[in-house]
Amino acid sequence: MRREQTLADRITGSAVWRSVVRHGYPDTQRNQALIIASNVFLHIHPVKIKRYATKVTYTFCLGGLSFFMFLVLTMTGVLLMFYYIPSESQAYETMQEIEGSVTFGQLMRNMHRWSAQGMVIAVFLHMARVFYTGSYKPPREFNWVIGVLLLVVTFLLSFTGYLLPWDQLAFWAITVGSNIGGAAPIVG
């Protein structure tokens, strides 16, 4: 007679659970090593590394660069937020005021803009490398799904940030973007 699976057994036996929680309780040295190898914090700062792991490659640290640019975007965005007025009638004038009157305003805005563009490129290249090298395969399916979601969020935030100055470039960007969205099958 077949035993009914409990909810806990069904959850812990699912592919999602195995993708997120890759190893069981660290009761053996092998499980302890596997947990250390799969822990992101211990992965970033391991106790011991092999010599070949320090070799700089053409895709070295694209994820780290993306995160660094995210931090720059967050810091400059918070500083710009103090001066920016998000209204249709005042958005362009406040951007001009930030560039002309605020101390280091033009530097902050340029750092914000270039970091945003660099982050889009770095995230796209990082995802392309992950796809090209097959790093999305088990047991990393969950990481791939999170990465794709972050790529979409990055694209959407880049598009909405592009519109904030509300100049002619932003106006026509939203016009073209909404027309593209309207022409999409099923959604449009």
Foldseek 3Di string as FASTA:
>chain_A
DDDDDDPVRVVCPDLVNCLVPVADDPPDPVRVVVVLCPDPVCVVVPPDDDPVVPDDDPLPCLVVLLVVLVVLLVVLVVVLVVQADQDLVCQQVSLVCQCPPNVCSVVSVVSNLVSLVSNLVSLVVVLVVCVVVVVCDPSNVVVNVVSVVVNVVSVVVSLVVLLRNVDPVNVVSVVVVVVVQVPDPPRD
